[in-house]
Structure formats: C-alpha cells, structure tokens
Protein backbone atom coordinates (compact mmCIF):
# COMPACT_ATOMS: atom_id res chain seq x y z
CA MET A 1 68.13 44.28 -82.52
CA ILE A 2 68.31 43.42 -86.30
CA SER A 3 69.01 39.75 -87.05
CA LEU A 4 70.64 38.17 -90.07
CA GLU A 5 68.68 35.48 -91.89
CA CYS A 6 70.52 33.66 -94.72
CA SER A 7 69.30 31.39 -97.40
CA ARG A 8 69.99 27.70 -96.99
CA ASP A 9 71.37 27.18 -100.54
CA GLY A 10 75.00 27.88 -99.78
CA GLY A 11 74.68 31.34 -98.33
CA ARG A 12 74.23 33.05 -101.78
CA LEU A 13 71.68 35.35 -100.25
CA CYS A 14 72.18 36.82 -96.89
CA ALA A 15 70.44 39.91 -95.76
CA PRO A 16 69.15 41.66 -92.63
CA VAL A 17 65.64 40.52 -93.35
CA ALA A 18 64.22 42.20 -90.31
CA ALA A 19 65.62 45.55 -91.49
CA TRP A 20 63.88 45.61 -94.96
CA PRO A 21 60.76 47.43 -93.75
CA TYR A 22 62.84 50.03 -91.91
CA LEU A 23 65.24 50.52 -94.97
CA LEU A 24 62.38 50.78 -97.32
CA PHE A 25 60.57 53.32 -95.22
CA TRP A 26 63.75 55.42 -94.96
CA VAL A 27 64.50 55.41 -98.60
CA LEU A 28 60.91 56.39 -99.51
CA PHE A 29 61.03 59.11 -96.86
CA MET A 30 64.30 60.45 -98.36
CA ALA A 31 62.84 60.23 -101.83
CA PHE A 32 59.94 62.46 -101.14
CA ALA A 33 61.90 64.76 -98.80
CA SER A 34 64.57 65.25 -101.41
CA LYS A 35 62.11 67.01 -103.64
CA ALA A 36 62.75 70.13 -101.50
CA VAL A 37 66.48 69.53 -101.84
CA LEU A 38 66.28 69.44 -105.63
CA ALA A 39 64.19 72.64 -105.84
CA THR A 40 65.94 75.25 -103.83
CA THR A 41 66.50 78.88 -104.83
CA ILE A 42 68.80 79.12 -107.79
CA SER A 43 71.32 81.84 -108.63
CA GLU A 44 71.18 83.67 -111.88
CA VAL A 45 74.14 82.66 -114.13
CA GLU A 46 75.72 84.90 -116.66
CA PRO A 47 75.79 85.32 -119.69
CA ASN A 48 71.88 85.49 -119.86
CA ASN A 49 71.73 88.89 -121.52
CA SER A 50 69.69 87.88 -124.51
CA LEU A 51 66.77 85.52 -125.47
CA ALA A 52 69.27 83.19 -127.14
CA GLY A 53 71.37 82.99 -124.04
CA ALA A 54 68.45 82.69 -121.48
CA GLN A 55 69.02 80.64 -118.46
CA SER A 56 66.65 77.66 -118.15
CA ILE A 57 64.66 77.23 -114.93
CA ASP A 58 63.15 73.96 -116.00
CA GLY A 59 63.84 71.29 -113.44
CA PHE A 60 63.81 73.68 -110.47
CA PHE A 61 60.18 73.78 -109.56
CA SER A 62 58.90 72.65 -106.28
CA LEU A 63 55.98 72.91 -103.83
CA ASP A 64 58.24 74.15 -100.98
CA SER A 65 56.39 76.47 -98.59
CA ASN A 66 57.40 80.05 -99.06
CA LEU A 67 55.40 82.94 -97.53
CA ASP A 68 56.52 85.32 -100.24
CA ILE A 69 54.84 83.26 -103.02
CA VAL A 70 51.16 82.89 -103.70
CA ASP A 71 49.83 79.30 -103.24
CA SER A 72 53.32 78.05 -102.82
CA THR A 73 52.40 74.67 -101.55
CA THR A 74 49.80 73.90 -104.32
CA VAL A 75 51.26 75.59 -107.43
CA PRO A 76 54.76 74.61 -108.63
CA HIS A 77 57.17 77.49 -108.43
CA ALA A 78 60.91 78.36 -108.87
CA SER A 79 62.87 81.22 -107.35
CA ILE A 80 65.98 82.97 -108.90
CA GLU A 81 68.27 85.36 -107.10
CA GLY A 82 69.85 87.74 -109.64
CA ALA A 83 71.98 90.89 -109.95
CA GLY A 84 73.20 93.24 -112.68
CA GLU A 85 76.74 93.66 -114.09
CA THR A 86 79.16 96.38 -115.00
CA GLN A 87 78.07 98.07 -118.33
CA THR A 88 80.36 99.16 -121.25
CA ALA A 89 79.51 101.37 -124.13
CA GLN A 90 78.66 98.39 -126.42
CA PRO A 91 74.91 97.45 -126.47
CA ASP A 92 75.57 93.76 -126.61
CA THR A 93 77.06 93.88 -123.18
CA TYR A 94 74.10 95.62 -121.49
CA THR A 95 72.66 93.39 -118.79
CA TYR A 96 69.08 92.35 -119.21
CA ASP A 97 68.49 89.00 -117.40
CA TYR A 98 66.41 86.40 -119.28
CA PHE A 99 65.12 83.06 -118.14
CA LYS A 100 63.26 80.39 -120.13
CA PHE A 101 60.84 77.86 -119.01
CA THR A 102 58.42 75.22 -120.69
CA VAL A 103 54.70 75.39 -120.41
CA THR A 104 53.36 71.81 -120.88
CA THR A 105 49.59 72.32 -120.70
CA ALA A 106 47.26 74.71 -122.49
CA ASN A 107 45.70 77.53 -120.47
CA SER A 108 48.21 77.29 -117.61
CA ARG A 109 48.20 80.17 -115.27
CA ALA A 110 51.48 81.69 -114.17
CA VAL A 111 52.59 84.32 -111.69
CA PHE A 112 55.77 86.28 -111.96
CA ASP A 113 56.69 88.07 -108.77
CA VAL A 114 59.77 90.26 -108.18
CA ASP A 115 60.70 90.64 -104.47
CA TYR A 116 63.51 92.32 -102.51
CA ALA A 117 64.46 94.50 -105.43
CA TYR A 118 63.27 98.04 -104.50
CA PRO A 119 64.96 100.34 -103.44
CA SER A 120 68.25 98.94 -104.92
CA THR A 121 66.49 98.08 -108.11
CA ASP A 122 63.34 99.81 -109.67
CA SER A 123 62.56 96.91 -112.05
CA THR A 124 60.24 95.91 -114.77
CA ILE A 125 59.54 92.55 -116.32
CA ALA A 126 58.19 91.20 -119.68
CA LEU A 127 57.32 87.92 -121.33
CA TRP A 128 58.20 86.65 -124.82
CA ASP A 129 56.95 83.59 -126.76
CA SER A 130 59.47 81.07 -128.38
CA SER A 131 59.70 83.39 -131.55
CA GLY A 132 60.76 86.34 -129.44
CA ALA A 133 57.38 88.16 -129.88
CA PRO A 134 56.50 90.24 -126.73
CA LEU A 135 53.47 89.17 -124.82
CA VAL A 136 52.99 91.50 -121.88
CA GLU A 137 55.07 93.91 -119.67
CA ALA A 138 54.57 94.75 -115.90
CA ASP A 139 56.05 97.50 -113.62
CA ASN A 140 54.57 98.88 -110.55
CA VAL A 141 51.18 97.34 -109.38
CA TRP A 142 48.56 99.93 -108.64
CA GLY A 143 45.54 99.60 -106.46
CA ASP A 144 46.08 96.64 -104.12
CA CYS A 145 49.27 95.69 -102.50
CA THR A 146 47.74 92.42 -101.07
CA VAL A 147 48.18 90.66 -104.43
CA ASP A 148 51.79 90.10 -103.38
CA PRO A 149 51.91 88.20 -100.02
CA GLY A 150 55.42 89.50 -99.14
CA GLY A 151 58.80 90.63 -100.17
CA SER A 152 57.86 93.98 -101.82
CA VAL A 153 57.46 97.47 -100.77
CA CYS A 154 53.96 98.94 -100.63
CA TYR A 155 53.88 102.64 -101.27
CA HIS A 156 50.77 104.45 -100.19
CA PRO A 157 51.14 108.28 -100.10
CA ALA A 158 48.31 110.31 -98.61
CA GLY A 159 45.43 110.86 -101.01
CA GLN A 160 46.70 108.32 -103.67
CA GLN A 161 46.27 104.73 -104.56
CA GLU A 162 48.69 102.33 -102.95
CA ARG A 163 51.09 100.49 -105.27
CA LEU A 164 53.73 97.81 -105.24
CA LEU A 165 57.28 99.10 -106.06
CA ASP A 166 58.24 95.59 -107.39
CA PRO A 167 56.60 94.02 -110.42
CA PHE A 168 53.87 91.47 -110.05
CA LEU A 169 52.32 89.83 -113.12
CA GLU A 170 49.66 87.25 -113.72
CA TYR A 171 49.43 85.53 -117.13
CA THR A 172 47.74 82.58 -118.74
CA PHE A 173 49.57 80.76 -121.46
CA SER A 174 46.97 79.56 -123.95
CA THR A 175 49.40 77.11 -125.83
CA PRO A 176 52.29 74.93 -124.57
CA GLY A 177 55.79 75.78 -125.57
CA VAL A 178 58.89 77.45 -124.47
CA TYR A 179 58.61 81.00 -123.07
CA PHE A 180 60.90 83.73 -121.76
CA VAL A 181 60.84 86.16 -118.85
CA GLY A 182 63.19 89.13 -118.65
CA ILE A 183 64.00 91.67 -116.04
CA ALA A 184 65.46 95.22 -116.49
CA GLU A 185 65.30 98.56 -114.82
CA SER A 186 62.01 100.42 -114.83
CA ALA A 187 60.99 102.14 -118.13
CA ALA A 188 62.61 99.49 -120.33
CA LEU A 189 60.60 98.57 -123.35
CA SER A 190 60.18 95.17 -125.13
CA ASP A 191 61.32 95.15 -128.77
CA PRO A 192 58.58 93.79 -131.03
CA VAL A 193 60.95 93.32 -133.96
CA ASP A 194 64.09 91.73 -132.63
CA GLY A 195 62.76 90.38 -129.34
CA GLY A 196 64.04 91.13 -125.82
CA TRP A 197 64.46 94.59 -124.52
CA TYR A 198 65.23 97.53 -126.76
CA TYR A 199 68.97 98.35 -126.67
CA ASN A 200 68.07 101.85 -127.72
CA ASN A 201 64.69 103.17 -126.41
CA PRO A 202 63.07 105.02 -129.38
CA PHE A 203 60.69 106.87 -127.11
CA LEU A 204 63.25 108.07 -124.55
CA GLY A 205 66.37 108.35 -126.73
CA ASP A 206 68.68 106.38 -124.55
CA ILE A 207 69.62 102.83 -123.71
CA ALA A 208 66.88 100.53 -122.48
CA ASN A 209 67.58 100.72 -118.87
CA PRO A 210 69.87 97.82 -118.24
CA LEU A 211 70.52 96.30 -114.74
CA ASP A 212 73.44 97.91 -112.94
CA PRO A 213 75.97 96.04 -110.60
CA THR A 214 74.17 97.37 -107.62
CA ASP A 215 70.72 96.00 -108.78
CA THR A 216 69.67 92.96 -107.05
CA TYR A 217 66.31 91.05 -107.09
CA THR A 218 64.51 87.76 -106.38
CA LEU A 219 62.26 86.56 -109.17
CA HIS A 220 59.57 83.97 -108.25
CA VAL A 221 57.96 82.03 -111.25
CA SER A 222 54.86 80.06 -110.29
CA LEU A 223 53.49 77.82 -113.06
CA GLU A 224 50.47 75.68 -113.04
CA ASN A 225 51.29 72.26 -114.24
CA GLY A 226 54.91 73.04 -113.94
CA ILE A 227 57.03 69.93 -113.75
CA ILE A 228 58.43 69.00 -110.40
CA PRO A 229 61.63 66.83 -110.73
CA GLU A 230 61.13 63.44 -109.31
CA PRO A 231 64.11 61.94 -107.17
CA SER A 232 64.33 59.00 -109.61
CA THR A 233 67.59 57.55 -108.22
CA ALA A 234 66.01 57.24 -104.71
CA LEU A 235 62.80 55.75 -106.13
CA LEU A 236 64.67 53.18 -108.12
CA LEU A 237 66.66 52.30 -105.08
CA ALA A 238 63.40 51.80 -103.15
CA ALA A 239 61.97 49.51 -105.85
CA GLY A 240 65.18 47.47 -105.69
CA LEU A 241 64.97 47.15 -101.88
CA SER A 242 61.38 46.12 -102.25
CA GLY A 243 62.24 43.50 -104.73
CA LEU A 244 65.06 42.09 -102.58
CA ALA A 245 62.72 41.99 -99.61
CA ALA A 246 60.22 39.91 -101.66
CA VAL A 247 63.07 37.53 -102.68
CA GLY A 248 64.02 37.18 -98.98
CA ARG A 249 60.40 36.27 -97.99
CA ARG A 250 60.06 33.82 -100.69
CA ARG A 251 63.28 32.09 -99.65
CA ARG A 252 62.25 31.98 -96.07
CA SER A 253 59.04 30.39 -96.90
C-alpha cells in the first residue's frame, strides 16, 4: 500500500513518496514504448503530385519490427500506404506520388522497397536531389527475389531468371540534404530538365504513366542515420518526477 509522507513545514510538499520509483519507472517505460506509437505506417496525403508538393516523411522513422523490411530493428525506416487518383486531360492533375526526406549524414545507405502493389499496380520508383536532378530509377528486380524479405510477388517462369514485380532499390547518399522519392506506373521516366516524372514521355509518345485510382502500394523507406523522433514530453515529465522525488528525499532527511 502506498503511504503519504508530507513535509513538516506547514504541509507545502505532500506527495506519495513511496510511489515515486514506480511512477518514474512507468513514465520511462511509456517514453520508450511510445517511439513505436509515434512511428506507425502513415497514409499518403494529396496533393503530392509534384516535387514542390512532396509529402514529408521526416519524423516518422522508427525501429519497429517489420518482416517486410530489411534490418527493420537496426535501420530507421518509415512506411507509407498510398493510392492513385482519378485523372483528367490536364497534365498538372496527373498523379505521381512524391515524398521527401532529410539525409543528415554523408554516405548514408538507404533502401526503397515497394510492397503489395503488384498486380493492382505495376510500379516504378525514382530518386531526385534537392534541385530536382534525377539520381536513379528502379522497376522490376531481376536475378534474386530474396533481396526483398516479403510483400512482393516473385515471378520465376521456366527457363528464365526470377524477378520481383515490385521495385526494390538500394542507394547511398554521398552528401546530406533533402531528397525526393517518387512512384508512378511502370515505364515512367524521370525528367532531367524539369524534375519529377515526364508529363509526356518523349520516347513512348504518351503521358508518363500516372497512378490510377485502382493503383495501391506500400512504400518502405529505410535510411541509415535516419532521425527517430524522441518522446520529449514523456522524457521531460520523467525528469520532473525524478526532481520531485529528490526533493522529497531531502526533506525527509
């Protein structure tokens, strides 16, 4: 049973002294446990159809265990669930989903893994730097389906190499800064002049394969040295409780 012990200077400090260790333990436990609460899968939010309107995923990285993500408990990662939209005849309404994130440390390795897209979505992904210059694109992965731990369809016809039907991309960022990842339907091409995907594919003579309303996907972004948000409010509360406990001990002595 928790007892109340009060100071002897007029009752200005009265606290359940015996409860402080339990309260402190509980607050610290909740502080660390809340990291998982702060960093769950997020939903894609429109409009994010351009690099300028890219949705930020900073602040949503965690070390939550996820069997679909490589090294999920050791490399910070964020997951986005997205979908396409109804298209119109105007190019600026085409749906190409873009997300931005911050690389804080030089030579940070990242993995971009699309899951649960095929067969509803035959997708492709690409990366751009802060100026909109394209860095790399990725579509199907040929040769080894085991690079992706789960969530993607492995296609292995007789007499041919196996391949993943969802994109899987590894990339090392040599310099810190803001970067973009975009997703579109397969055969889309990044635009080296204006940034983002081509609205009109100069090689295929049509629009650059936007996402349709029936297109759905999960995009995992794993980033070495990615910032995991700290539950600062809970930690400050824990520090405050610890301080009060110390005051209580001094008054009792």
